[in-house]
Amino acid sequence: MLSIQKKFLFIHILKTAGNSIQNVLKYYSEDKIVCLNSLQDGVERFEVRNKNFPNIHKHSSLLDYYQVLSPDIFHSLYKFAVIRNPWERNHSFFFRHIVKPKLGIETSLLIY
């Protein structure tokens, strides 16, 4: 999530509470939270888009931003991300993509 005006760049790493952080930052960012399909509710499931950077999305990497922003803008931003204990992250991933489908809840590894 990007704000050139407020000078920050949040890199959303999968399974690290990024949705909660983006829901707070949306009030300070030029990015917009959007729903691209019927499975997205705009709160827990959503995408992030910026009309000035159409190739940037919710889980864009630091390199993605580096490639689309001018060097002056990129270097002026406060950049941050949240990391998570790798064991807990894999546990969460396992239950989201392995266990829930067996319980009849549709998910897809292809989106990751």
Protein backbone atom coordinates (compact mmCIF):
# COMPACT_ATOMS: atom_id res chain seq x y z
CA MET A 1 0.00 0.00 0.00
CA LEU A 2 1.46 3.29 -1.14
CA SER A 3 1.12 6.92 -0.14
CA ILE A 4 3.34 9.36 -1.97
CA GLN A 5 1.69 12.26 -0.10
CA LYS A 6 2.26 10.71 3.37
CA LYS A 7 5.56 9.14 2.21
CA PHE A 8 5.07 5.50 3.12
CA LEU A 9 5.11 2.13 1.42
CA PHE A 10 3.69 -0.96 3.11
CA ILE A 11 4.68 -4.31 1.63
CA HIS A 12 1.97 -6.88 2.36
CA ILE A 13 3.52 -10.30 2.89
CA LEU A 14 1.04 -13.19 2.77
CA LYS A 15 -0.37 -14.44 6.09
CA THR A 16 1.09 -11.61 8.24
CA ALA A 17 -2.01 -9.58 9.29
CA GLY A 18 -1.62 -7.39 6.22
CA ASN A 19 -5.38 -7.02 5.65
CA SER A 20 -5.82 -5.43 9.07
CA ILE A 21 -2.93 -3.06 8.45
CA GLN A 22 -4.21 -2.12 5.00
CA ASN A 23 -7.68 -1.45 6.40
CA VAL A 24 -6.11 1.16 8.69
CA LEU A 25 -3.75 2.61 6.08
CA LYS A 26 -6.44 2.97 3.40
CA TYR A 27 -7.45 6.34 4.88
CA TYR A 28 -3.92 7.69 4.28
CA SER A 29 -3.10 6.07 0.95
CA GLU A 30 -3.82 6.90 -2.67
CA ASP A 31 -4.52 3.18 -3.16
CA LYS A 32 -8.10 1.93 -3.18
CA ILE A 33 -9.44 -1.26 -1.69
CA VAL A 34 -11.56 -3.01 -4.31
CA CYS A 35 -13.53 -6.23 -4.71
CA LEU A 36 -12.78 -7.98 -7.97
CA ASN A 37 -15.08 -10.97 -7.55
CA SER A 38 -18.02 -12.19 -5.50
CA LEU A 39 -15.74 -13.99 -3.01
CA GLN A 40 -14.20 -10.71 -1.89
CA ASP A 41 -16.03 -8.79 0.83
CA GLY A 42 -13.87 -5.64 1.02
CA VAL A 43 -12.95 -6.34 4.66
CA GLU A 44 -11.23 -9.71 4.98
CA ARG A 45 -10.86 -10.39 1.27
CA PHE A 46 -10.02 -7.64 -1.18
CA GLU A 47 -7.52 -6.32 -3.69
CA VAL A 48 -5.60 -3.06 -3.71
CA ARG A 49 -5.37 -0.89 -6.81
CA ASN A 50 -3.85 2.46 -7.70
CA LYS A 51 -4.93 4.23 -10.89
CA ASN A 52 -1.40 5.63 -11.37
CA PHE A 53 0.28 2.22 -11.08
CA PRO A 54 -1.97 -0.40 -12.72
CA ASN A 55 0.57 -3.23 -12.38
CA ILE A 56 0.77 -2.86 -8.60
CA HIS A 57 -1.49 -5.09 -6.50
CA LYS A 58 -2.10 -6.14 -2.91
CA HIS A 59 0.96 -8.40 -2.60
CA SER A 60 3.38 -6.50 -4.80
CA SER A 61 7.00 -6.85 -3.77
CA LEU A 62 9.48 -4.11 -2.96
CA LEU A 63 11.07 -4.80 -6.34
CA ASP A 64 7.71 -4.24 -8.07
CA TYR A 65 7.45 -0.79 -6.50
CA TYR A 66 11.09 -0.04 -7.26
CA GLN A 67 10.44 -0.74 -10.94
CA VAL A 68 7.44 1.59 -11.27
CA LEU A 69 8.34 4.51 -9.00
CA SER A 70 10.88 7.17 -9.86
CA PRO A 71 14.11 6.81 -7.85
CA ASP A 72 13.49 10.11 -6.05
CA ILE A 73 10.03 9.03 -4.89
CA PHE A 74 11.09 5.47 -4.03
CA HIS A 75 14.01 6.57 -1.85
CA SER A 76 11.93 9.22 -0.07
CA LEU A 77 9.37 6.69 1.20
CA TYR A 78 9.35 5.06 4.62
CA LYS A 79 9.15 1.37 3.73
CA PHE A 80 7.87 -1.29 6.10
CA ALA A 81 6.42 -4.79 6.26
CA VAL A 82 5.32 -7.22 8.93
CA ILE A 83 6.97 -10.59 9.25
CA ARG A 84 5.75 -13.62 11.12
CA ASN A 85 7.32 -16.61 12.77
CA PRO A 86 7.83 -19.01 9.82
CA TRP A 87 6.39 -21.97 11.70
CA GLU A 88 3.19 -20.10 12.54
CA ARG A 89 2.93 -18.79 8.99
CA ASN A 90 3.24 -22.31 7.55
CA HIS A 91 0.73 -23.60 10.10
CA SER A 92 -1.74 -20.92 9.01
CA PHE A 93 -1.07 -21.62 5.34
CA PHE A 94 -1.56 -25.36 5.91
CA PHE A 95 -4.95 -24.92 7.53
CA ARG A 96 -6.07 -22.33 4.97
CA HIS A 97 -5.12 -24.32 1.88
CA ILE A 98 -4.92 -27.96 2.93
CA VAL A 99 -7.38 -28.60 5.77
CA LYS A 100 -10.24 -26.24 4.86
CA PRO A 101 -10.65 -27.65 1.34
CA LYS A 102 -11.04 -31.12 2.87
CA LEU A 103 -13.83 -29.70 5.01
CA GLY A 104 -15.64 -28.55 1.87
CA ILE A 105 -14.43 -24.94 1.81
CA GLU A 106 -13.19 -24.05 -1.67
CA THR A 107 -9.73 -22.45 -1.92
CA SER A 108 -7.09 -22.43 -4.58
CA LEU A 109 -3.31 -22.54 -4.33
CA LEU A 110 -3.15 -21.05 -7.81
CA ILE A 111 -3.84 -17.56 -6.47
CA TYR A 112 -0.53 -17.77 -4.57
